[in-house]
Amino acid sequence: MTLPAQVKQTVLSLAKLSDGSDTELLYFYREYVRGLMHPVLCGWVLVDALRNKDLVLLRAATALSIDAIAVDSFEHPYLPRRKLVELPAAIKVLL
C-alpha cells in the first residue's frame, strides 16, 4: 500500500504549522491529528515513512505524535496493553 499524497501533504503541512509553536498550540495540533486521523492510518504513515526512508515525513510524524498513535494501533486487542517504548526510541536515533 502506498500512502495517498493528500495524507502525506496534510501531515507535512500540520507539522510545518506546528514547528516553533508554544506548548499549548503544539498540544492543539497533536489533538487535532488524533481527531482527524484514524489510528490505523497513523500506522500507515509511520510504515510508509520507514519503508521509503522518508526522514521528512518521519520527523513530521514524530512532531505530531503520529508515531505514538501508530504504536498504540499495532497492539493486539486481546493481549495485555503494553507500551512499545523501543520504536519511538529507535525513531529518535534515526532523526
PDB file of N, CA and C in Angstrom:
ATOM      1  N   MET A   1       0.847  -1.188   0.000  1.00  0.00           N
ATOM      2  CA  MET A   1       0.000   0.000   0.000  1.00  0.00           C
ATOM      3  C   MET A   1       0.883   1.238   0.000  1.00  0.00           C
ATOM      4  N   THR A   2       0.524   2.183  -0.826  1.00  0.00           N
ATOM      5  CA  THR A   2       1.219   3.454  -0.874  1.00  0.00           C
ATOM      6  C   THR A   2       0.350   4.502  -0.194  1.00  0.00           C
ATOM      7  N   LEU A   3       0.981   5.323   0.589  1.00  0.00           N
ATOM      8  CA  LEU A   3       0.272   6.377   1.301  1.00  0.00           C
ATOM      9  C   LEU A   3      -0.264   7.408   0.306  1.00  0.00           C
ATOM     10  N   PRO A   4      -1.554   7.750   0.366  1.00  0.00           N
ATOM     11  CA  PRO A   4      -2.090   8.765  -0.547  1.00  0.00           C
ATOM     12  C   PRO A   4      -1.363  10.107  -0.372  1.00  0.00           C
ATOM     13  N   ALA A   5      -1.162  10.777  -1.479  1.00  0.00           N
ATOM     14  CA  ALA A   5      -0.434  12.050  -1.459  1.00  0.00           C
ATOM     15  C   ALA A   5      -1.117  13.084  -0.570  1.00  0.00           C
ATOM     16  N   GLN A   6      -2.454  13.068  -0.508  1.00  0.00           N
ATOM     17  CA  GLN A   6      -3.178  14.033   0.309  1.00  0.00           C
ATOM     18  C   GLN A   6      -2.887  13.829   1.795  1.00  0.00           C
ATOM     19  N   VAL A   7      -2.765  12.571   2.207  1.00  0.00           N
ATOM     20  CA  VAL A   7      -2.473  12.283   3.613  1.00  0.00           C
ATOM     21  C   VAL A   7      -1.070  12.771   3.959  1.00  0.00           C
ATOM     22  N   LYS A   8      -0.129  12.445   3.096  1.00  0.00           N
ATOM     23  CA  LYS A   8       1.256  12.877   3.336  1.00  0.00           C
ATOM     24  C   LYS A   8       1.332  14.399   3.391  1.00  0.00           C
ATOM     25  N   GLN A   9       0.686  15.073   2.458  1.00  0.00           N
ATOM     26  CA  GLN A   9       0.735  16.537   2.424  1.00  0.00           C
ATOM     27  C   GLN A   9       0.079  17.143   3.659  1.00  0.00           C
ATOM     28  N   THR A  10      -1.003  16.537   4.129  1.00  0.00           N
ATOM     29  CA  THR A  10      -1.667  17.019   5.344  1.00  0.00           C
ATOM     30  C   THR A  10      -0.740  16.911   6.548  1.00  0.00           C
ATOM     31  N   VAL A  11      -0.077  15.775   6.681  1.00  0.00           N
ATOM     32  CA  VAL A  11       0.851  15.568   7.798  1.00  0.00           C
ATOM     33  C   VAL A  11       1.993  16.573   7.729  1.00  0.00           C
ATOM     34  N   LEU A  12       2.566  16.737   6.545  1.00  0.00           N
ATOM     35  CA  LEU A  12       3.685  17.677   6.391  1.00  0.00           C
ATOM     36  C   LEU A  12       3.248  19.119   6.665  1.00  0.00           C
ATOM     37  N   SER A  13       2.062  19.477   6.203  1.00  0.00           N
ATOM     38  CA  SER A  13       1.561  20.843   6.418  1.00  0.00           C
ATOM     39  C   SER A  13       1.291  21.122   7.892  1.00  0.00           C
ATOM     40  N   LEU A  14       0.660  20.167   8.575  1.00  0.00           N
ATOM     41  CA  LEU A  14       0.393  20.352  10.006  1.00  0.00           C
ATOM     42  C   LEU A  14       1.688  20.419  10.806  1.00  0.00           C
ATOM     43  N   ALA A  15       2.659  19.615  10.431  1.00  0.00           N
ATOM     44  CA  ALA A  15       3.947  19.653  11.133  1.00  0.00           C
ATOM     45  C   ALA A  15       4.639  20.986  10.909  1.00  0.00           C
ATOM     46  N   LYS A  16       4.549  21.500   9.696  1.00  0.00           N
ATOM     47  CA  LYS A  16       5.162  22.805   9.405  1.00  0.00           C
ATOM     48  C   LYS A  16       4.477  23.910  10.205  1.00  0.00           C
ATOM     49  N   LEU A  17       3.150  23.838  10.305  1.00  0.00           N
ATOM     50  CA  LEU A  17       2.415  24.830  11.099  1.00  0.00           C
ATOM     51  C   LEU A  17       2.792  24.753  12.581  1.00  0.00           C
ATOM     52  N   SER A  18       3.018  23.530  13.053  1.00  0.00           N
ATOM     53  CA  SER A  18       3.314  23.360  14.482  1.00  0.00           C
ATOM     54  C   SER A  18       4.759  23.663  14.834  1.00  0.00           C
ATOM     55  N   ASP A  19       5.627  23.749  13.838  1.00  0.00           N
ATOM     56  CA  ASP A  19       7.046  23.999  14.085  1.00  0.00           C
ATOM     57  C   ASP A  19       7.247  25.339  14.788  1.00  0.00           C
ATOM     58  N   GLY A  20       7.892  25.295  15.929  1.00  0.00           N
ATOM     59  CA  GLY A  20       8.159  26.509  16.688  1.00  0.00           C
ATOM     60  C   GLY A  20       6.986  26.990  17.520  1.00  0.00           C
ATOM     61  N   SER A  21       5.925  26.212  17.580  1.00  0.00           N
ATOM     62  CA  SER A  21       4.741  26.599  18.353  1.00  0.00           C
ATOM     63  C   SER A  21       5.002  26.467  19.845  1.00  0.00           C
ATOM     64  N   ASP A  22       4.263  27.246  20.604  1.00  0.00           N
ATOM     65  CA  ASP A  22       4.363  27.082  22.056  1.00  0.00           C
ATOM     66  C   ASP A  22       3.673  25.780  22.454  1.00  0.00           C
ATOM     67  N   THR A  23       3.822  25.386  23.684  1.00  0.00           N
ATOM     68  CA  THR A  23       3.331  24.101  24.166  1.00  0.00           C
ATOM     69  C   THR A  23       1.827  23.944  23.964  1.00  0.00           C
ATOM     70  N   GLU A  24       1.079  24.981  24.239  1.00  0.00           N
ATOM     71  CA  GLU A  24      -0.379  24.912  24.126  1.00  0.00           C
ATOM     72  C   GLU A  24      -0.816  24.701  22.678  1.00  0.00           C
ATOM     73  N   LEU A  25      -0.208  25.415  21.762  1.00  0.00           N
ATOM     74  CA  LEU A  25      -0.561  25.284  20.349  1.00  0.00           C
ATOM     75  C   LEU A  25      -0.116  23.922  19.802  1.00  0.00           C
ATOM     76  N   LEU A  26       1.042  23.452  20.229  1.00  0.00           N
ATOM     77  CA  LEU A  26       1.513  22.139  19.805  1.00  0.00           C
ATOM     78  C   LEU A  26       0.559  21.057  20.297  1.00  0.00           C
ATOM     79  N   TYR A  27       0.075  21.186  21.514  1.00  0.00           N
ATOM     80  CA  TYR A  27      -0.915  20.242  22.052  1.00  0.00           C
ATOM     81  C   TYR A  27      -2.177  20.264  21.184  1.00  0.00           C
ATOM     82  N   PHE A  28      -2.610  21.458  20.764  1.00  0.00           N
ATOM     83  CA  PHE A  28      -3.780  21.585  19.897  1.00  0.00           C
ATOM     84  C   PHE A  28      -3.577  20.809  18.597  1.00  0.00           C
ATOM     85  N   TYR A  29      -2.407  20.979  17.956  1.00  0.00           N
ATOM     86  CA  TYR A  29      -2.142  20.281  16.696  1.00  0.00           C
ATOM     87  C   TYR A  29      -2.121  18.773  16.895  1.00  0.00           C
ATOM     88  N   ARG A  30      -1.528  18.319  17.979  1.00  0.00           N
ATOM     89  CA  ARG A  30      -1.477  16.877  18.247  1.00  0.00           C
ATOM     90  C   ARG A  30      -2.876  16.308  18.470  1.00  0.00           C
ATOM     91  N   GLU A  31      -3.705  17.027  19.208  1.00  0.00           N
ATOM     92  CA  GLU A  31      -5.077  16.568  19.438  1.00  0.00           C
ATOM     93  C   GLU A  31      -5.897  16.633  18.150  1.00  0.00           C
ATOM     94  N   TYR A  32      -5.614  17.615  17.322  1.00  0.00           N
ATOM     95  CA  TYR A  32      -6.287  17.738  16.032  1.00  0.00           C
ATOM     96  C   TYR A  32      -5.988  16.504  15.175  1.00  0.00           C
ATOM     97  N   VAL A  33      -4.727  16.088  15.158  1.00  0.00           N
ATOM     98  CA  VAL A  33      -4.338  14.901  14.401  1.00  0.00           C
ATOM     99  C   VAL A  33      -5.042  13.671  14.959  1.00  0.00           C
ATOM    100  N   ARG A  34      -5.132  13.571  16.280  1.00  0.00           N
ATOM    101  CA  ARG A  34      -5.829  12.427  16.899  1.00  0.00           C
ATOM    102  C   ARG A  34      -7.291  12.373  16.449  1.00  0.00           C
ATOM    103  N   GLY A  35      -7.929  13.521  16.322  1.00  0.00           N
ATOM    104  CA  GLY A  35      -9.326  13.564  15.888  1.00  0.00           C
ATOM    105  C   GLY A  35      -9.481  13.388  14.393  1.00  0.00           C
ATOM    106  N   LEU A  36      -8.477  13.797  13.648  1.00  0.00           N
ATOM    107  CA  LEU A  36      -8.553  13.780  12.188  1.00  0.00           C
ATOM    108  C   LEU A  36      -8.201  12.419  11.599  1.00  0.00           C
ATOM    109  N   MET A  37      -7.199  11.779  12.147  1.00  0.00           N
ATOM    110  CA  MET A  37      -6.660  10.558  11.545  1.00  0.00           C
ATOM    111  C   MET A  37      -6.965   9.333  12.390  1.00  0.00           C
ATOM    112  N   HIS A  38      -7.483   8.324  11.761  1.00  0.00           N
ATOM    113  CA  HIS A  38      -7.721   7.047  12.416  1.00  0.00           C
ATOM    114  C   HIS A  38      -6.362   6.453  12.831  1.00  0.00           C
ATOM    115  N   PRO A  39      -6.285   5.795  13.982  1.00  0.00           N
ATOM    116  CA  PRO A  39      -5.005   5.222  14.425  1.00  0.00           C
ATOM    117  C   PRO A  39      -4.358   4.292  13.405  1.00  0.00           C
ATOM    118  N   VAL A  40      -5.151   3.550  12.648  1.00  0.00           N
ATOM    119  CA  VAL A  40      -4.568   2.664  11.637  1.00  0.00           C
ATOM    120  C   VAL A  40      -3.916   3.479  10.527  1.00  0.00           C
ATOM    121  N   LEU A  41      -4.526   4.603  10.159  1.00  0.00           N
ATOM    122  CA  LEU A  41      -3.924   5.475   9.152  1.00  0.00           C
ATOM    123  C   LEU A  41      -2.612   6.051   9.671  1.00  0.00           C
ATOM    124  N   CYS A  42      -2.571   6.386  10.951  1.00  0.00           N
ATOM    125  CA  CYS A  42      -1.311   6.851  11.552  1.00  0.00           C
ATOM    126  C   CYS A  42      -0.251   5.765  11.444  1.00  0.00           C
ATOM    127  N   GLY A  43      -0.666   4.511  11.620  1.00  0.00           N
ATOM    128  CA  GLY A  43       0.258   3.400  11.458  1.00  0.00           C
ATOM    129  C   GLY A  43       0.809   3.326  10.049  1.00  0.00           C
ATOM    130  N   TRP A  44      -0.068   3.549   9.072  1.00  0.00           N
ATOM    131  CA  TRP A  44       0.396   3.522   7.688  1.00  0.00           C
ATOM    132  C   TRP A  44       1.321   4.685   7.370  1.00  0.00           C
ATOM    133  N   VAL A  45       1.091   5.831   7.979  1.00  0.00           N
ATOM    134  CA  VAL A  45       2.007   6.966   7.792  1.00  0.00           C
ATOM    135  C   VAL A  45       3.392   6.578   8.293  1.00  0.00           C
ATOM    136  N   LEU A  46       3.435   5.986   9.465  1.00  0.00           N
ATOM    137  CA  LEU A  46       4.717   5.575  10.045  1.00  0.00           C
ATOM    138  C   LEU A  46       5.378   4.487   9.208  1.00  0.00           C
ATOM    139  N   VAL A  47       4.614   3.489   8.789  1.00  0.00           N
ATOM    140  CA  VAL A  47       5.164   2.408   7.962  1.00  0.00           C
ATOM    141  C   VAL A  47       5.688   2.962   6.644  1.00  0.00           C
ATOM    142  N   ASP A  48       4.918   3.853   6.017  1.00  0.00           N
ATOM    143  CA  ASP A  48       5.340   4.440   4.747  1.00  0.00           C
ATOM    144  C   ASP A  48       6.625   5.241   4.907  1.00  0.00           C
ATOM    145  N   ALA A  49       6.708   6.020   5.967  1.00  0.00           N
ATOM    146  CA  ALA A  49       7.913   6.815   6.204  1.00  0.00           C
ATOM    147  C   ALA A  49       9.135   5.925   6.419  1.00  0.00           C
ATOM    148  N   LEU A  50       8.970   4.867   7.186  1.00  0.00           N
ATOM    149  CA  LEU A  50      10.086   3.954   7.442  1.00  0.00           C
ATOM    150  C   LEU A  50      10.448   3.150   6.197  1.00  0.00           C
ATOM    151  N   ARG A  51       9.440   2.663   5.480  1.00  0.00           N
ATOM    152  CA  ARG A  51       9.693   1.851   4.284  1.00  0.00           C
ATOM    153  C   ARG A  51      10.431   2.648   3.214  1.00  0.00           C
ATOM    154  N   ASN A  52      10.035   3.896   3.040  1.00  0.00           N
ATOM    155  CA  ASN A  52      10.638   4.738   1.995  1.00  0.00           C
ATOM    156  C   ASN A  52      11.806   5.576   2.491  1.00  0.00           C
ATOM    157  N   LYS A  53      12.164   5.385   3.758  1.00  0.00           N
ATOM    158  CA  LYS A  53      13.258   6.155   4.377  1.00  0.00           C
ATOM    159  C   LYS A  53      13.036   7.658   4.186  1.00  0.00           C
ATOM    160  N   ASP A  54      11.791   8.062   4.366  1.00  0.00           N
ATOM    161  CA  ASP A  54      11.379   9.452   4.203  1.00  0.00           C
ATOM    162  C   ASP A  54      11.541  10.166   5.546  1.00  0.00           C
ATOM    163  N   LEU A  55      12.720  10.742   5.768  1.00  0.00           N
ATOM    164  CA  LEU A  55      13.006  11.371   7.056  1.00  0.00           C
ATOM    165  C   LEU A  55      12.163  12.615   7.300  1.00  0.00           C
ATOM    166  N   VAL A  56      11.768  13.304   6.239  1.00  0.00           N
ATOM    167  CA  VAL A  56      10.917  14.484   6.403  1.00  0.00           C
ATOM    168  C   VAL A  56       9.555  14.062   6.961  1.00  0.00           C
ATOM    169  N   LEU A  57       8.978  13.021   6.387  1.00  0.00           N
ATOM    170  CA  LEU A  57       7.689  12.517   6.874  1.00  0.00           C
ATOM    171  C   LEU A  57       7.836  11.928   8.276  1.00  0.00           C
ATOM    172  N   LEU A  58       8.946  11.253   8.530  1.00  0.00           N
ATOM    173  CA  LEU A  58       9.181  10.667   9.846  1.00  0.00           C
ATOM    174  C   LEU A  58       9.299  11.747  10.918  1.00  0.00           C
ATOM    175  N   ARG A  59       9.993  12.830  10.603  1.00  0.00           N
ATOM    176  CA  ARG A  59      10.099  13.955  11.553  1.00  0.00           C
ATOM    177  C   ARG A  59       8.734  14.593  11.796  1.00  0.00           C
ATOM    178  N   ALA A  60       7.963  14.742  10.725  1.00  0.00           N
ATOM    179  CA  ALA A  60       6.617  15.319  10.858  1.00  0.00           C
ATOM    180  C   ALA A  60       5.737  14.423  11.715  1.00  0.00           C
ATOM    181  N   ALA A  61       5.816  13.112  11.496  1.00  0.00           N
ATOM    182  CA  ALA A  61       5.023  12.170  12.280  1.00  0.00           C
ATOM    183  C   ALA A  61       5.407  12.226  13.757  1.00  0.00           C
ATOM    184  N   THR A  62       6.682  12.360  14.025  1.00  0.00           N
ATOM    185  CA  THR A  62       7.147  12.450  15.408  1.00  0.00           C
ATOM    186  C   THR A  62       6.708  13.765  16.045  1.00  0.00           C
ATOM    187  N   ALA A  63       6.796  14.855  15.315  1.00  0.00           N
ATOM    188  CA  ALA A  63       6.407  16.166  15.849  1.00  0.00           C
ATOM    189  C   ALA A  63       4.928  16.199  16.218  1.00  0.00           C
ATOM    190  N   LEU A  64       4.112  15.491  15.460  1.00  0.00           N
ATOM    191  CA  LEU A  64       2.668  15.486  15.702  1.00  0.00           C
ATOM    192  C   LEU A  64       2.208  14.304  16.551  1.00  0.00           C
ATOM    193  N   SER A  65       3.143  13.525  17.066  1.00  0.00           N
ATOM    194  CA  SER A  65       2.863  12.327  17.883  1.00  0.00           C
ATOM    195  C   SER A  65       2.132  11.241  17.112  1.00  0.00           C
ATOM    196  N   ILE A  66       2.251  11.268  15.794  1.00  0.00           N
ATOM    197  CA  ILE A  66       1.644  10.223  14.983  1.00  0.00           C
ATOM    198  C   ILE A  66       2.311   8.890  15.278  1.00  0.00           C
ATOM    199  N   ASP A  67       3.603   8.921  15.579  1.00  0.00           N
ATOM    200  CA  ASP A  67       4.303   7.678  15.886  1.00  0.00           C
ATOM    201  C   ASP A  67       3.728   7.014  17.135  1.00  0.00           C
ATOM    202  N   ALA A  68       3.389   7.800  18.136  1.00  0.00           N
ATOM    203  CA  ALA A  68       2.806   7.240  19.364  1.00  0.00           C
ATOM    204  C   ALA A  68       1.417   6.661  19.103  1.00  0.00           C
ATOM    205  N   ILE A  69       0.623   7.360  18.300  1.00  0.00           N
ATOM    206  CA  ILE A  69      -0.712   6.855  17.952  1.00  0.00           C
ATOM    207  C   ILE A  69      -0.567   5.557  17.161  1.00  0.00           C
ATOM    208  N   ALA A  70       0.399   5.526  16.247  1.00  0.00           N
ATOM    209  CA  ALA A  70       0.612   4.346  15.416  1.00  0.00           C
ATOM    210  C   ALA A  70       1.036   3.148  16.248  1.00  0.00           C
ATOM    211  N   VAL A  71       1.938   3.358  17.164  1.00  0.00           N
ATOM    212  CA  VAL A  71       2.399   2.265  18.018  1.00  0.00           C
ATOM    213  C   VAL A  71       1.225   1.683  18.797  1.00  0.00           C
ATOM    214  N   ASP A  72       0.378   2.541  19.317  1.00  0.00           N
ATOM    215  CA  ASP A  72      -0.799   2.061  20.046  1.00  0.00           C
ATOM    216  C   ASP A  72      -1.743   1.277  19.129  1.00  0.00           C
ATOM    217  N   SER A  73      -1.811   1.639  17.848  1.00  0.00           N
ATOM    218  CA  SER A  73      -2.721   0.949  16.925  1.00  0.00           C
ATOM    219  C   SER A  73      -2.231  -0.445  16.569  1.00  0.00           C
ATOM    220  N   PHE A  74      -0.940  -0.725  16.763  1.00  0.00           N
ATOM    221  CA  PHE A  74      -0.398  -2.039  16.439  1.00  0.00           C
ATOM    222  C   PHE A  74      -0.629  -3.054  17.550  1.00  0.00           C
ATOM    223  N   GLU A  75      -1.116  -2.627  18.691  1.00  0.00           N
ATOM    224  CA  GLU A  75      -1.335  -3.542  19.795  1.00  0.00           C
ATOM    225  C   GLU A  75      -2.504  -4.469  19.499  1.00  0.00           C
ATOM    226  N   HIS A  76      -2.361  -5.699  19.888  1.00  0.00           N
ATOM    227  CA  HIS A  76      -3.427  -6.675  19.710  1.00  0.00           C
ATOM    228  C   HIS A  76      -4.506  -6.407  20.759  1.00  0.00           C
ATOM    229  N   PRO A  77      -5.791  -6.385  20.375  1.00  0.00           N
ATOM    230  CA  PRO A  77      -6.847  -6.007  21.323  1.00  0.00           C
ATOM    231  C   PRO A  77      -7.057  -6.999  22.469  1.00  0.00           C
ATOM    232  N   TYR A  78      -6.595  -8.247  22.316  1.00  0.00           N
ATOM    233  CA  TYR A  78      -6.860  -9.235  23.351  1.00  0.00           C
ATOM    234  C   TYR A  78      -5.668  -9.506  24.259  1.00  0.00           C
ATOM    235  N   LEU A  79      -4.534  -8.930  23.952  1.00  0.00           N
ATOM    236  CA  LEU A  79      -3.360  -9.090  24.799  1.00  0.00           C
ATOM    237  C   LEU A  79      -3.311  -7.970  25.823  1.00  0.00           C
ATOM    238  N   PRO A  80      -2.620  -8.185  26.931  1.00  0.00           N
ATOM    239  CA  PRO A  80      -2.497  -7.088  27.908  1.00  0.00           C
ATOM    240  C   PRO A  80      -1.855  -5.866  27.244  1.00  0.00           C
ATOM    241  N   ARG A  81      -2.374  -4.688  27.566  1.00  0.00           N
ATOM    242  CA  ARG A  81      -1.856  -3.454  26.962  1.00  0.00           C
ATOM    243  C   ARG A  81      -0.477  -3.140  27.520  1.00  0.00           C
ATOM    244  N   ARG A  82       0.457  -2.928  26.607  1.00  0.00           N
ATOM    245  CA  ARG A  82       1.805  -2.533  26.958  1.00  0.00           C
ATOM    246  C   ARG A  82       2.245  -1.461  25.983  1.00  0.00           C
ATOM    247  N   LYS A  83       2.984  -0.529  26.467  1.00  0.00           N
ATOM    248  CA  LYS A  83       3.527   0.499  25.590  1.00  0.00           C
ATOM    249  C   LYS A  83       4.775  -0.041  24.905  1.00  0.00           C
ATOM    250  N   LEU A  84       4.882   0.206  23.620  1.00  0.00           N
ATOM    251  CA  LEU A  84       6.084  -0.169  22.890  1.00  0.00           C
ATOM    252  C   LEU A  84       7.049   1.004  22.952  1.00  0.00           C
ATOM    253  N   VAL A  85       7.995   0.941  23.842  1.00  0.00           N
ATOM    254  CA  VAL A  85       8.899   2.071  24.040  1.00  0.00           C
ATOM    255  C   VAL A  85      10.104   2.000  23.123  1.00  0.00           C
ATOM    256  N   GLU A  86      10.387   0.834  22.576  1.00  0.00           N
ATOM    257  CA  GLU A  86      11.580   0.705  21.735  1.00  0.00           C
ATOM    258  C   GLU A  86      11.439   1.427  20.398  1.00  0.00           C
ATOM    259  N   LEU A  87      10.247   1.424  19.800  1.00  0.00           N
ATOM    260  CA  LEU A  87      10.065   2.044  18.489  1.00  0.00           C
ATOM    261  C   LEU A  87      10.272   3.554  18.526  1.00  0.00           C
ATOM    262  N   PRO A  88       9.643   4.309  19.444  1.00  0.00           N
ATOM    263  CA  PRO A  88       9.928   5.743  19.485  1.00  0.00           C
ATOM    264  C   PRO A  88      11.400   6.051  19.748  1.00  0.00           C
ATOM    265  N   ALA A  89      12.051   5.238  20.565  1.00  0.00           N
ATOM    266  CA  ALA A  89      13.484   5.446  20.825  1.00  0.00           C
ATOM    267  C   ALA A  89      14.290   5.217  19.558  1.00  0.00           C
ATOM    268  N   ALA A  90      13.924   4.190  18.798  1.00  0.00           N
ATOM    269  CA  ALA A  90      14.626   3.913  17.543  1.00  0.00           C
ATOM    270  C   ALA A  90      14.410   5.031  16.535  1.00  0.00           C
ATOM    271  N   ILE A  91      13.204   5.575  16.497  1.00  0.00           N
ATOM    272  CA  ILE A  91      12.917   6.672  15.569  1.00  0.00           C
ATOM    273  C   ILE A  91      13.747   7.896  15.914  1.00  0.00           C
ATOM    274  N   LYS A  92      13.898   8.180  17.199  1.00  0.00           N
ATOM    275  CA  LYS A  92      14.701   9.340  17.617  1.00  0.00           C
ATOM    276  C   LYS A  92      16.152   9.171  17.200  1.00  0.00           C
ATOM    277  N   VAL A  93      16.646   7.940  17.192  1.00  0.00           N
ATOM    278  CA  VAL A  93      18.019   7.696  16.747  1.00  0.00           C
ATOM    279  C   VAL A  93      18.138   8.025  15.256  1.00  0.00           C
ATOM    280  N   LEU A  94      17.109   7.693  14.482  1.00  0.00           N
ATOM    281  CA  LEU A  94      17.133   7.992  13.051  1.00  0.00           C
ATOM    282  C   LEU A  94      17.109   9.486  12.771  1.00  0.00           C
ATOM    283  N   LEU A  95      16.438  10.234  13.626  1.00  0.00           N
ATOM    284  CA  LEU A  95      16.325  11.674  13.404  1.00  0.00           C
ATOM    285  C   LEU A  95      17.569  12.347  13.895  1.00  0.00           C
TER     286      LEU A  95
END
